[in-house]
């Protein structure tokens, strides 16, 4: 009598498991063979990645520049209004 099996594709690692449906035992495991990139494909992906990282760095640098401007404006406003006092904290701990 032939044993009925079920082939299951793993969504995480894309391997194939051959399982007995009655007992739940794994008969075999076939690993997913990922195609290796050629050197040209690898270099192209690294150039794209480098461009993306440069764009992210420039955006972060611009954000920090604007952050300094906002802080400087708040400092100048506080310097002009010396009579203002700090607001009370929202919770008073007696």
N, C-alpha and C. Protein backbone atom coordinates (compact mmCIF):
# COMPACT_ATOMS: atom_id res chain seq x y z
N UNK A 1 0.84 -1.18 0.00
CA UNK A 1 0.00 0.00 0.00
C UNK A 1 0.88 1.24 0.00
N UNK A 2 0.59 2.16 -0.89
CA UNK A 2 1.38 3.38 -1.01
C UNK A 2 1.00 4.36 0.10
N UNK A 3 2.01 5.03 0.60
CA UNK A 3 1.80 6.01 1.65
C UNK A 3 1.45 7.34 0.99
N UNK A 4 0.34 7.92 1.44
CA UNK A 4 -0.05 9.23 0.92
C UNK A 4 0.76 10.30 1.62
N UNK A 5 1.26 11.24 0.84
CA UNK A 5 2.05 12.33 1.42
C UNK A 5 1.51 13.67 0.93
N UNK A 6 1.86 14.69 1.66
CA UNK A 6 1.49 16.05 1.31
C UNK A 6 2.78 16.85 1.19
N UNK A 7 2.89 17.61 0.11
CA UNK A 7 4.03 18.50 -0.07
C UNK A 7 3.60 19.90 0.37
N UNK A 8 4.37 20.48 1.27
CA UNK A 8 4.05 21.79 1.82
C UNK A 8 5.19 22.74 1.51
N UNK A 9 4.86 23.89 0.95
CA UNK A 9 5.85 24.93 0.69
C UNK A 9 5.89 25.86 1.89
N UNK A 10 7.08 26.05 2.46
CA UNK A 10 7.24 26.94 3.61
C UNK A 10 7.23 28.39 3.11
N UNK A 11 6.37 29.26 3.70
CA UNK A 11 6.33 30.65 3.25
C UNK A 11 7.55 31.46 3.69
N UNK A 12 8.24 31.00 4.72
CA UNK A 12 9.39 31.76 5.22
C UNK A 12 10.66 31.47 4.43
N UNK A 13 11.02 30.19 4.37
CA UNK A 13 12.29 29.84 3.73
C UNK A 13 12.11 29.25 2.33
N UNK A 14 10.87 29.09 1.88
CA UNK A 14 10.53 28.58 0.56
C UNK A 14 11.01 27.16 0.31
N UNK A 15 11.30 26.41 1.38
CA UNK A 15 11.67 25.02 1.21
C UNK A 15 10.41 24.17 1.08
N UNK A 16 10.57 22.89 0.68
CA UNK A 16 9.44 21.99 0.49
C UNK A 16 9.55 20.87 1.53
N UNK A 17 8.48 20.66 2.28
CA UNK A 17 8.41 19.58 3.25
C UNK A 17 7.45 18.52 2.73
N UNK A 18 7.86 17.26 2.79
CA UNK A 18 6.98 16.16 2.44
C UNK A 18 6.55 15.52 3.74
N UNK A 19 5.22 15.57 4.02
CA UNK A 19 4.69 15.19 5.33
C UNK A 19 3.65 14.09 5.17
N UNK A 20 3.63 13.15 6.14
CA UNK A 20 2.58 12.14 6.21
C UNK A 20 1.37 12.78 6.89
N UNK A 21 0.20 12.82 6.22
CA UNK A 21 -0.95 13.52 6.79
C UNK A 21 -1.55 12.83 8.02
N UNK A 22 -1.36 11.54 8.16
CA UNK A 22 -1.96 10.82 9.29
C UNK A 22 -1.15 11.01 10.57
N UNK A 23 0.16 10.88 10.49
CA UNK A 23 0.98 10.96 11.69
C UNK A 23 1.64 12.32 11.88
N UNK A 24 1.77 13.09 10.80
CA UNK A 24 2.40 14.40 10.90
C UNK A 24 3.91 14.34 10.85
N UNK A 25 4.48 13.18 10.53
CA UNK A 25 5.94 13.08 10.46
C UNK A 25 6.43 13.63 9.13
N UNK A 26 7.61 14.20 9.17
CA UNK A 26 8.23 14.77 7.97
C UNK A 26 9.09 13.68 7.32
N UNK A 27 8.78 13.34 6.06
CA UNK A 27 9.55 12.33 5.34
C UNK A 27 10.81 12.93 4.74
N UNK A 28 10.67 14.10 4.14
CA UNK A 28 11.85 14.72 3.54
C UNK A 28 11.72 16.24 3.55
N UNK A 29 12.86 16.85 3.37
CA UNK A 29 12.96 18.30 3.38
C UNK A 29 13.85 18.70 2.21
N UNK A 30 13.35 19.53 1.31
CA UNK A 30 14.14 20.00 0.17
C UNK A 30 14.34 21.50 0.32
N UNK A 31 15.60 21.88 0.47
CA UNK A 31 15.91 23.30 0.65
C UNK A 31 15.73 24.05 -0.66
N UNK A 32 15.36 25.31 -0.52
CA UNK A 32 15.18 26.19 -1.68
C UNK A 32 16.54 26.61 -2.18
N UNK A 33 16.78 26.43 -3.45
CA UNK A 33 18.05 26.83 -4.05
C UNK A 33 17.89 28.22 -4.66
N UNK A 34 18.47 29.17 -4.01
CA UNK A 34 18.39 30.55 -4.48
C UNK A 34 19.42 30.76 -5.59
N UNK A 35 18.96 31.41 -6.68
CA UNK A 35 19.88 31.69 -7.77
C UNK A 35 20.89 32.73 -7.32
N UNK A 36 22.12 32.48 -7.67
CA UNK A 36 23.17 33.43 -7.32
C UNK A 36 23.25 34.50 -8.41
N UNK A 37 23.43 35.72 -7.97
CA UNK A 37 23.52 36.83 -8.90
C UNK A 37 24.87 36.84 -9.59
N UNK A 38 24.86 37.30 -10.81
CA UNK A 38 26.13 37.47 -11.50
C UNK A 38 26.82 38.72 -10.93
N UNK A 39 28.06 38.86 -11.23
CA UNK A 39 28.81 40.00 -10.71
C UNK A 39 28.23 41.32 -11.22
N UNK A 40 27.80 41.34 -12.48
CA UNK A 40 27.21 42.57 -13.04
C UNK A 40 25.92 42.95 -12.32
N UNK A 41 25.07 41.94 -12.04
CA UNK A 41 23.82 42.20 -11.32
C UNK A 41 24.11 42.70 -9.90
N UNK A 42 25.10 42.10 -9.27
CA UNK A 42 25.47 42.52 -7.92
C UNK A 42 25.96 43.96 -7.90
N UNK A 43 26.81 44.32 -8.86
CA UNK A 43 27.34 45.69 -8.91
C UNK A 43 26.22 46.69 -9.18
N UNK A 44 25.27 46.32 -10.04
CA UNK A 44 24.14 47.20 -10.33
C UNK A 44 23.28 47.41 -9.08
N UNK A 45 23.03 46.34 -8.34
CA UNK A 45 22.22 46.48 -7.12
C UNK A 45 22.94 47.32 -6.07
N UNK A 46 24.25 47.20 -6.00
CA UNK A 46 25.01 48.00 -5.03
C UNK A 46 25.02 49.47 -5.41
N UNK A 47 25.05 49.77 -6.71
CA UNK A 47 24.98 51.17 -7.14
C UNK A 47 23.63 51.78 -6.80
N UNK A 48 22.56 50.99 -6.99
CA UNK A 48 21.22 51.47 -6.63
C UNK A 48 21.14 51.69 -5.13
N UNK A 49 21.67 50.75 -4.38
CA UNK A 49 21.65 50.86 -2.90
C UNK A 49 22.44 52.09 -2.46
N UNK A 50 23.57 52.33 -3.08
CA UNK A 50 24.39 53.48 -2.74
C UNK A 50 23.63 54.78 -3.02
N UNK A 51 22.93 54.84 -4.14
CA UNK A 51 22.16 56.04 -4.46
C UNK A 51 21.03 56.24 -3.46
N UNK A 52 20.37 55.15 -3.05
CA UNK A 52 19.29 55.25 -2.06
C UNK A 52 19.83 55.73 -0.72
N UNK A 53 20.98 55.21 -0.31
CA UNK A 53 21.58 55.63 0.96
C UNK A 53 21.99 57.10 0.92
N UNK A 54 22.53 57.55 -0.21
CA UNK A 54 22.89 58.96 -0.34
C UNK A 54 21.67 59.85 -0.24
N UNK A 55 20.56 59.43 -0.85
CA UNK A 55 19.33 60.23 -0.78
C UNK A 55 18.79 60.27 0.65
N UNK A 56 18.83 59.15 1.35
CA UNK A 56 18.38 59.12 2.75
C UNK A 56 19.26 60.01 3.62
N UNK A 57 20.56 59.97 3.39
CA UNK A 57 21.48 60.79 4.17
C UNK A 57 21.23 62.27 3.92
N UNK A 58 21.01 62.64 2.66
CA UNK A 58 20.75 64.04 2.34
C UNK A 58 19.44 64.51 2.98
N UNK A 59 18.42 63.64 2.99
CA UNK A 59 17.15 63.99 3.62
C UNK A 59 17.32 64.17 5.13
N UNK A 60 18.08 63.30 5.75
CA UNK A 60 18.32 63.41 7.19
C UNK A 60 19.12 64.66 7.52
N UNK A 61 20.08 64.98 6.68
CA UNK A 61 20.89 66.18 6.88
C UNK A 61 20.04 67.44 6.77
N UNK A 62 19.14 67.46 5.78
CA UNK A 62 18.25 68.61 5.61
C UNK A 62 17.30 68.75 6.79
N UNK A 63 16.82 67.63 7.29
CA UNK A 63 15.91 67.64 8.45
C UNK A 63 16.63 68.19 9.68
N UNK A 64 17.87 67.80 9.88
CA UNK A 64 18.64 68.30 11.01
C UNK A 64 18.90 69.80 10.87
N UNK A 65 19.10 70.26 9.64
CA UNK A 65 19.34 71.69 9.41
C UNK A 65 18.10 72.49 9.81
N UNK A 66 16.93 72.02 9.41
CA UNK A 66 15.69 72.70 9.77
C UNK A 66 15.42 72.61 11.27
N UNK A 67 15.82 71.52 11.87
CA UNK A 67 15.65 71.34 13.31
C UNK A 67 16.43 72.42 14.07
N UNK A 68 17.63 72.71 13.61
CA UNK A 68 18.44 73.74 14.25
C UNK A 68 17.80 75.10 14.09
N UNK A 69 17.22 75.38 12.91
CA UNK A 69 16.56 76.67 12.69
C UNK A 69 15.38 76.86 13.63
N UNK A 70 14.59 75.82 13.85
CA UNK A 70 13.44 75.90 14.75
C UNK A 70 13.90 76.16 16.18
N UNK A 71 14.93 75.45 16.59
CA UNK A 71 15.46 75.65 17.95
C UNK A 71 16.00 77.06 18.11
N UNK A 72 16.68 77.56 17.08
CA UNK A 72 17.23 78.91 17.14
C UNK A 72 16.12 79.96 17.25
N UNK A 73 15.01 79.77 16.51
CA UNK A 73 13.88 80.70 16.59
C UNK A 73 13.27 80.68 18.00
N UNK A 74 13.12 79.50 18.57
CA UNK A 74 12.58 79.40 19.93
C UNK A 74 13.50 80.08 20.93
N UNK A 75 14.80 79.92 20.74
CA UNK A 75 15.76 80.54 21.64
C UNK A 75 15.70 82.06 21.56
N UNK A 76 15.61 82.59 20.34
CA UNK A 76 15.53 84.04 20.16
C UNK A 76 14.24 84.58 20.77
N UNK A 77 13.13 83.85 20.62
CA UNK A 77 11.86 84.30 21.20
C UNK A 77 11.94 84.29 22.73
N UNK A 78 12.59 83.30 23.29
CA UNK A 78 12.74 83.24 24.74
C UNK A 78 13.67 84.34 25.24
N UNK A 79 14.67 84.67 24.45
CA UNK A 79 15.60 85.72 24.83
C UNK A 79 14.91 87.08 24.85
N UNK A 80 13.99 87.30 23.91
CA UNK A 80 13.28 88.58 23.85
C UNK A 80 12.26 88.71 24.98
N UNK A 81 11.65 87.64 25.40
CA UNK A 81 10.64 87.66 26.45
C UNK A 81 11.23 87.10 27.74
N UNK A 82 12.06 87.90 28.39
CA UNK A 82 12.73 87.45 29.61
C UNK A 82 11.77 87.34 30.79
N UNK A 83 10.63 88.03 30.72
CA UNK A 83 9.69 88.04 31.83
C UNK A 83 8.83 86.76 31.89
N UNK A 84 8.81 86.01 30.83
CA UNK A 84 8.00 84.79 30.82
C UNK A 84 8.59 83.75 31.77
N UNK A 85 7.70 83.08 32.47
CA UNK A 85 8.14 82.03 33.37
C UNK A 85 7.80 80.68 32.76
N UNK A 86 8.46 79.67 33.25
CA UNK A 86 8.18 78.32 32.77
C UNK A 86 6.78 77.91 33.19
N UNK A 87 6.04 77.23 32.34
CA UNK A 87 4.70 76.78 32.74
C UNK A 87 4.79 75.69 33.82
N UNK A 88 3.73 75.62 34.60
CA UNK A 88 3.71 74.60 35.63
C UNK A 88 3.62 73.22 35.00
N UNK A 89 4.20 72.23 35.64
CA UNK A 89 4.11 70.87 35.09
C UNK A 89 2.67 70.39 35.15
N UNK A 90 2.24 69.50 34.25
CA UNK A 90 0.86 69.04 34.23
C UNK A 90 0.47 68.27 35.48
N UNK A 91 1.43 67.62 36.15
CA UNK A 91 1.14 66.89 37.38
C UNK A 91 2.01 67.45 38.48
N UNK A 92 1.37 67.86 39.56
CA UNK A 92 2.12 68.38 40.70
C UNK A 92 2.33 67.24 41.70
N UNK A 93 3.56 66.93 41.97
CA UNK A 93 3.87 65.87 42.93
C UNK A 93 4.15 66.51 44.29
N UNK A 94 3.18 66.48 45.15
CA UNK A 94 3.33 67.09 46.48
C UNK A 94 4.15 66.24 47.39
